[in-house]
Amino acid sequence: MGRGRQKAKHTKVARELKYFSPETNYDALERELTGHDAPVEVIDDDEVSKWSEYAEGYSEDEPKRA
């Protein structure tokens, strides 16, 4: 495909995406933002201390390599 046709196709797709407005489900958005559907999981201190020795070898950004 030539550059002119390729650019025209990209322009058409960009225009369709710009002016596309799907129906918004505000109820689902509210549930997601307020978190009413997802119960909060409570972690015991015993469980945290049990696994803390394994976490010492890892940084937040990069896992430890063997």
C-alpha atoms as a PDB file:
ATOM      1  CA  MET A   1       0.000   0.000   0.000  1.00  0.00           C
ATOM      2  CA  GLY A   2       1.351   3.425  -0.861  1.00  0.00           C
ATOM      3  CA  ARG A   3       2.120   6.070   1.748  1.00  0.00           C
ATOM      4  CA  GLY A   4      -0.845   8.244   0.750  1.00  0.00           C
ATOM      5  CA  ARG A   5      -3.339   5.398   1.067  1.00  0.00           C
ATOM      6  CA  GLN A   6      -1.761   4.249   4.323  1.00  0.00           C
ATOM      7  CA  LYS A   7      -1.979   7.745   5.815  1.00  0.00           C
ATOM      8  CA  ALA A   8      -5.591   8.092   4.689  1.00  0.00           C
ATOM      9  CA  LYS A   9      -6.452   4.781   6.311  1.00  0.00           C
ATOM     10  CA  HIS A  10      -4.789   5.799   9.601  1.00  0.00           C
ATOM     11  CA  THR A  11      -6.595   9.145   9.490  1.00  0.00           C
ATOM     12  CA  LYS A  12      -9.912   7.387   8.978  1.00  0.00           C
ATOM     13  CA  VAL A  13      -9.304   5.011  11.891  1.00  0.00           C
ATOM     14  CA  ALA A  14      -8.167   7.879  14.141  1.00  0.00           C
ATOM     15  CA  ARG A  15     -11.256   9.892  13.286  1.00  0.00           C
ATOM     16  CA  GLU A  16     -13.536   6.927  14.023  1.00  0.00           C
ATOM     17  CA  LEU A  17     -11.863   6.407  17.408  1.00  0.00           C
ATOM     18  CA  LYS A  18     -12.025  10.111  18.252  1.00  0.00           C
ATOM     19  CA  TYR A  19     -15.748  10.429  17.674  1.00  0.00           C
ATOM     20  CA  PHE A  20     -16.747   6.949  18.905  1.00  0.00           C
ATOM     21  CA  SER A  21     -18.712   7.151  22.144  1.00  0.00           C
ATOM     22  CA  PRO A  22     -19.942   3.816  23.500  1.00  0.00           C
ATOM     23  CA  GLU A  23     -22.744   3.575  26.034  1.00  0.00           C
ATOM     24  CA  THR A  24     -21.317   4.062  29.525  1.00  0.00           C
ATOM     25  CA  ASN A  25     -22.508   1.723  32.261  1.00  0.00           C
ATOM     26  CA  TYR A  26     -22.460   4.090  35.219  1.00  0.00           C
ATOM     27  CA  ASP A  27     -23.678   1.433  37.673  1.00  0.00           C
ATOM     28  CA  ALA A  28     -20.724  -0.836  36.878  1.00  0.00           C
ATOM     29  CA  LEU A  29     -18.351   2.135  37.094  1.00  0.00           C
ATOM     30  CA  GLU A  30     -19.725   3.098  40.508  1.00  0.00           C
ATOM     31  CA  ARG A  31     -19.354  -0.490  41.783  1.00  0.00           C
ATOM     32  CA  GLU A  32     -15.777  -0.611  40.543  1.00  0.00           C
ATOM     33  CA  LEU A  33     -14.813   2.725  42.078  1.00  0.00           C
ATOM     34  CA  THR A  34     -16.525   2.187  45.431  1.00  0.00           C
ATOM     35  CA  GLY A  35     -15.468  -1.449  45.741  1.00  0.00           C
ATOM     36  CA  HIS A  36     -18.767  -2.718  47.123  1.00  0.00           C
ATOM     37  CA  ASP A  37     -18.523  -6.033  45.265  1.00  0.00           C
ATOM     38  CA  ALA A  38     -15.005  -6.957  46.358  1.00  0.00           C
ATOM     39  CA  PRO A  39     -14.620  -7.871  50.028  1.00  0.00           C
ATOM     40  CA  VAL A  40     -11.409  -6.797  51.694  1.00  0.00           C
ATOM     41  CA  GLU A  41      -9.136  -9.691  52.645  1.00  0.00           C
ATOM     42  CA  VAL A  42      -7.540  -9.419  56.066  1.00  0.00           C
ATOM     43  CA  ILE A  43      -4.050 -10.917  56.429  1.00  0.00           C
ATOM     44  CA  ASP A  44      -2.897 -12.194  59.805  1.00  0.00           C
ATOM     45  CA  ASP A  45       0.410 -11.000  61.273  1.00  0.00           C
ATOM     46  CA  ASP A  46       1.434 -14.645  61.707  1.00  0.00           C
ATOM     47  CA  GLU A  47       1.055 -15.253  57.989  1.00  0.00           C
ATOM     48  CA  VAL A  48       3.067 -12.151  57.112  1.00  0.00           C
ATOM     49  CA  SER A  49       5.927 -13.126  59.410  1.00  0.00           C
ATOM     50  CA  LYS A  50       5.845 -16.663  58.028  1.00  0.00           C
ATOM     51  CA  TRP A  51       6.599 -15.438  54.500  1.00  0.00           C
ATOM     52  CA  SER A  52       8.792 -12.429  55.321  1.00  0.00           C
ATOM     53  CA  GLU A  53      12.014 -14.465  55.176  1.00  0.00           C
ATOM     54  CA  TYR A  54      11.295 -15.272  51.534  1.00  0.00           C
ATOM     55  CA  ALA A  55      10.662 -11.629  50.667  1.00  0.00           C
ATOM     56  CA  GLU A  56      14.000 -10.387  52.007  1.00  0.00           C
ATOM     57  CA  GLY A  57      15.922 -11.437  48.879  1.00  0.00           C
ATOM     58  CA  TYR A  58      13.745  -9.399  46.522  1.00  0.00           C
ATOM     59  CA  SER A  59      13.545  -5.718  45.782  1.00  0.00           C
ATOM     60  CA  GLU A  60      10.276  -4.105  44.751  1.00  0.00           C
ATOM     61  CA  ASP A  61      11.374  -3.621  41.157  1.00  0.00           C
ATOM     62  CA  GLU A  62      13.384  -6.687  40.270  1.00  0.00           C
ATOM     63  CA  PRO A  63      13.186 -10.331  41.384  1.00  0.00           C
ATOM     64  CA  LYS A  64      16.337 -12.023  42.687  1.00  0.00           C
ATOM     65  CA  ARG A  65      18.093 -14.199  40.143  1.00  0.00           C
ATOM     66  CA  ALA A  66      19.566 -17.539  41.118  1.00  0.00           C
END
